[in-house]
C-alpha cells in the first residue's frame, strides 16, 4: 500500500511517501493506525485529517485493495 504525506504530516514523518503492508480487508483507518504506529509523531493529527483513496476523498472506513494509493491530507491555509 502506498501512502503519501503532505505538509505537516510530511514534516513530522520526515518523508513524503511510505509503504505499508496491510492485511486483506484493511480500511483507510487501518492504514492510518499503521502509519501512526510507525511514525508516532503524526498520531495527534488524526482528528483534523481528510483521506483520499486513488485521488478521491474517502471516509476512514473505506475498504482498501492491493495497489491503492492513500493520501492523508492535513488542513491547509493560504493567503
N, C-alpha and C. Protein backbone atom coordinates (compact mmCIF):
# COMPACT_ATOMS: atom_id res chain seq x y z
N UNK A 1 0.84 -1.16 0.00
CA UNK A 1 0.00 0.00 0.00
C UNK A 1 0.90 1.24 0.00
N UNK A 2 0.65 2.12 -0.90
CA UNK A 2 1.40 3.38 -0.98
C UNK A 2 0.62 4.47 -0.24
N UNK A 3 1.28 5.13 0.70
CA UNK A 3 0.68 6.23 1.45
C UNK A 3 1.52 7.47 1.21
N UNK A 4 0.86 8.52 0.77
CA UNK A 4 1.55 9.78 0.53
C UNK A 4 1.19 10.77 1.63
N UNK A 5 2.18 11.56 2.02
CA UNK A 5 2.02 12.52 3.11
C UNK A 5 2.38 13.92 2.61
N UNK A 6 1.61 14.89 3.06
CA UNK A 6 1.83 16.27 2.64
C UNK A 6 1.92 17.18 3.86
N UNK A 7 2.49 18.34 3.62
CA UNK A 7 2.54 19.44 4.59
C UNK A 7 3.06 18.98 5.95
N UNK A 8 2.31 19.25 7.02
CA UNK A 8 2.79 18.95 8.37
C UNK A 8 3.00 17.46 8.59
N UNK A 9 2.21 16.61 7.94
CA UNK A 9 2.42 15.16 8.09
C UNK A 9 3.76 14.74 7.49
N UNK A 10 4.08 15.29 6.36
CA UNK A 10 5.38 15.00 5.72
C UNK A 10 6.51 15.46 6.63
N UNK A 11 6.35 16.65 7.21
CA UNK A 11 7.39 17.17 8.10
C UNK A 11 7.55 16.31 9.35
N UNK A 12 6.45 15.88 9.93
CA UNK A 12 6.52 15.06 11.15
C UNK A 12 7.08 13.67 10.89
N UNK A 13 6.74 13.10 9.76
CA UNK A 13 7.22 11.75 9.44
C UNK A 13 8.62 11.78 8.84
N UNK A 14 9.01 12.92 8.31
CA UNK A 14 10.32 13.03 7.70
C UNK A 14 10.41 12.41 6.32
N UNK A 15 9.25 12.19 5.71
CA UNK A 15 9.23 11.63 4.35
C UNK A 15 7.88 11.93 3.72
N UNK A 16 7.84 11.89 2.41
CA UNK A 16 6.60 12.23 1.69
C UNK A 16 5.81 10.99 1.27
N UNK A 17 6.43 9.81 1.39
CA UNK A 17 5.74 8.59 0.98
C UNK A 17 6.25 7.42 1.82
N UNK A 18 5.32 6.55 2.17
CA UNK A 18 5.68 5.32 2.89
C UNK A 18 4.92 4.16 2.26
N UNK A 19 5.44 2.98 2.45
CA UNK A 19 4.78 1.75 2.02
C UNK A 19 4.32 1.01 3.26
N UNK A 20 3.09 0.55 3.24
CA UNK A 20 2.54 -0.21 4.37
C UNK A 20 2.09 -1.58 3.88
N UNK A 21 2.35 -2.59 4.67
CA UNK A 21 1.82 -3.92 4.41
C UNK A 21 0.60 -4.10 5.29
N UNK A 22 -0.56 -4.15 4.67
CA UNK A 22 -1.81 -4.29 5.41
C UNK A 22 -2.50 -5.58 5.01
N UNK A 23 -3.26 -6.16 5.93
CA UNK A 23 -3.96 -7.40 5.61
C UNK A 23 -5.14 -7.15 4.65
N UNK A 24 -5.58 -8.18 3.97
CA UNK A 24 -6.77 -8.04 3.11
C UNK A 24 -7.95 -7.52 3.93
N UNK A 25 -8.73 -6.65 3.34
CA UNK A 25 -9.89 -6.09 4.02
C UNK A 25 -9.58 -4.90 4.90
N UNK A 26 -8.35 -4.43 4.90
CA UNK A 26 -7.97 -3.28 5.71
C UNK A 26 -8.69 -2.03 5.22
N UNK A 27 -8.89 -1.10 6.12
CA UNK A 27 -9.57 0.16 5.80
C UNK A 27 -8.57 1.32 5.82
N UNK A 28 -9.06 2.45 5.41
CA UNK A 28 -8.25 3.66 5.48
C UNK A 28 -7.83 3.93 6.92
N UNK A 29 -8.73 3.68 7.86
CA UNK A 29 -8.40 3.85 9.29
C UNK A 29 -7.27 2.89 9.69
N UNK A 30 -7.32 1.67 9.20
CA UNK A 30 -6.24 0.72 9.49
C UNK A 30 -4.90 1.24 8.95
N UNK A 31 -4.94 1.84 7.78
CA UNK A 31 -3.72 2.41 7.21
C UNK A 31 -3.21 3.55 8.09
N UNK A 32 -4.14 4.38 8.57
CA UNK A 32 -3.73 5.47 9.46
C UNK A 32 -3.11 4.91 10.75
N UNK A 33 -3.74 3.91 11.33
CA UNK A 33 -3.22 3.33 12.57
C UNK A 33 -1.82 2.74 12.37
N UNK A 34 -1.61 2.08 11.24
CA UNK A 34 -0.29 1.52 10.95
C UNK A 34 0.74 2.63 10.76
N UNK A 35 0.33 3.69 10.09
CA UNK A 35 1.22 4.83 9.89
C UNK A 35 1.59 5.46 11.23
N UNK A 36 0.58 5.68 12.09
CA UNK A 36 0.82 6.30 13.39
C UNK A 36 1.70 5.41 14.28
N UNK A 37 1.58 4.11 14.12
CA UNK A 37 2.43 3.19 14.88
C UNK A 37 3.89 3.33 14.43
N UNK A 38 4.11 3.42 13.13
CA UNK A 38 5.47 3.55 12.59
C UNK A 38 6.04 4.95 12.77
N UNK A 39 5.18 5.96 12.78
CA UNK A 39 5.59 7.36 12.89
C UNK A 39 4.73 8.04 13.96
N UNK A 40 5.02 7.79 15.25
CA UNK A 40 4.17 8.28 16.35
C UNK A 40 3.95 9.79 16.36
N UNK A 41 4.85 10.54 15.79
CA UNK A 41 4.71 12.00 15.79
C UNK A 41 3.46 12.46 15.04
N UNK A 42 2.94 11.66 14.13
CA UNK A 42 1.76 12.07 13.36
C UNK A 42 0.45 11.76 14.07
N UNK A 43 0.47 10.91 15.08
CA UNK A 43 -0.75 10.38 15.70
C UNK A 43 -1.74 11.45 16.15
N UNK A 44 -1.27 12.53 16.72
CA UNK A 44 -2.16 13.57 17.24
C UNK A 44 -2.91 14.32 16.15
N UNK A 45 -2.53 14.15 14.91
CA UNK A 45 -3.16 14.88 13.79
C UNK A 45 -4.44 14.23 13.27
N UNK A 46 -4.77 13.06 13.72
CA UNK A 46 -5.89 12.29 13.16
C UNK A 46 -7.21 13.05 13.11
N UNK A 47 -7.54 13.77 14.16
CA UNK A 47 -8.86 14.42 14.25
C UNK A 47 -9.11 15.44 13.15
N UNK A 48 -8.05 16.01 12.59
CA UNK A 48 -8.25 17.08 11.60
C UNK A 48 -7.96 16.65 10.17
N UNK A 49 -7.78 15.36 9.94
CA UNK A 49 -7.38 14.89 8.60
C UNK A 49 -8.55 14.55 7.70
N UNK A 50 -8.29 14.65 6.42
CA UNK A 50 -9.14 14.08 5.39
C UNK A 50 -8.32 12.95 4.76
N UNK A 51 -9.01 12.01 4.16
CA UNK A 51 -8.31 10.92 3.47
C UNK A 51 -8.75 10.89 2.01
N UNK A 52 -7.86 10.39 1.19
CA UNK A 52 -8.14 10.20 -0.22
C UNK A 52 -7.64 8.82 -0.61
N UNK A 53 -8.43 8.12 -1.40
CA UNK A 53 -8.03 6.82 -1.94
C UNK A 53 -8.12 6.92 -3.45
N UNK A 54 -7.00 6.71 -4.09
CA UNK A 54 -6.93 6.79 -5.56
C UNK A 54 -7.48 8.11 -6.09
N UNK A 55 -7.05 9.18 -5.43
CA UNK A 55 -7.37 10.56 -5.83
C UNK A 55 -8.83 10.95 -5.67
N UNK A 56 -9.53 10.28 -4.76
CA UNK A 56 -10.91 10.65 -4.44
C UNK A 56 -11.04 10.70 -2.93
N UNK A 57 -11.67 11.76 -2.43
CA UNK A 57 -11.90 11.83 -0.99
C UNK A 57 -12.65 10.58 -0.55
N UNK A 58 -12.28 10.08 0.62
CA UNK A 58 -12.87 8.83 1.09
C UNK A 58 -13.00 8.86 2.61
N UNK A 59 -14.07 8.29 3.15
CA UNK A 59 -14.19 8.19 4.60
C UNK A 59 -13.17 7.18 5.14
N UNK A 60 -12.91 7.26 6.43
CA UNK A 60 -11.90 6.41 7.04
C UNK A 60 -12.33 4.95 7.15
N UNK A 61 -13.57 4.63 6.82
CA UNK A 61 -13.98 3.22 6.83
C UNK A 61 -13.94 2.59 5.43
N UNK A 62 -13.35 3.30 4.48
CA UNK A 62 -13.23 2.79 3.12
C UNK A 62 -12.32 1.56 3.07
N UNK A 63 -12.81 0.50 2.45
CA UNK A 63 -12.00 -0.71 2.29
C UNK A 63 -10.94 -0.47 1.22
N UNK A 64 -9.75 -0.93 1.49
CA UNK A 64 -8.63 -0.75 0.58
C UNK A 64 -8.33 -2.04 -0.18
N UNK A 65 -7.77 -1.87 -1.36
CA UNK A 65 -7.37 -3.01 -2.20
C UNK A 65 -5.89 -2.91 -2.51
N UNK A 66 -5.32 -4.03 -2.87
CA UNK A 66 -3.91 -4.08 -3.28
C UNK A 66 -3.66 -3.02 -4.36
N UNK A 67 -2.60 -2.25 -4.18
CA UNK A 67 -2.23 -1.25 -5.18
C UNK A 67 -2.88 0.11 -5.01
N UNK A 68 -3.78 0.26 -4.05
CA UNK A 68 -4.40 1.57 -3.82
C UNK A 68 -3.36 2.58 -3.36
N UNK A 69 -3.62 3.84 -3.68
CA UNK A 69 -2.82 4.95 -3.17
C UNK A 69 -3.68 5.70 -2.16
N UNK A 70 -3.17 5.83 -0.95
CA UNK A 70 -3.86 6.54 0.11
C UNK A 70 -3.10 7.83 0.39
N UNK A 71 -3.84 8.91 0.53
CA UNK A 71 -3.24 10.19 0.89
C UNK A 71 -3.97 10.70 2.12
N UNK A 72 -3.20 11.11 3.12
CA UNK A 72 -3.78 11.76 4.29
C UNK A 72 -3.50 13.24 4.15
N UNK A 73 -4.57 14.03 4.24
CA UNK A 73 -4.49 15.46 3.92
C UNK A 73 -4.77 16.27 5.18
N UNK A 74 -3.76 16.98 5.67
CA UNK A 74 -3.98 17.84 6.83
C UNK A 74 -4.67 19.13 6.39
N UNK A 75 -5.22 19.86 7.35
CA UNK A 75 -5.82 21.14 6.99
C UNK A 75 -4.74 22.07 6.42
N UNK A 76 -5.13 22.84 5.46
CA UNK A 76 -4.19 23.80 4.86
C UNK A 76 -4.81 25.17 4.89
N UNK A 77 -3.96 26.17 4.86
CA UNK A 77 -4.44 27.54 4.77
C UNK A 77 -3.55 28.26 3.77
N UNK A 78 -4.05 29.30 3.29
CA UNK A 78 -3.28 30.06 2.30
C UNK A 78 -3.67 31.51 2.36
N UNK A 79 -3.05 32.24 1.56
CA UNK A 79 -3.37 33.66 1.61
C UNK A 79 -3.02 34.33 0.34
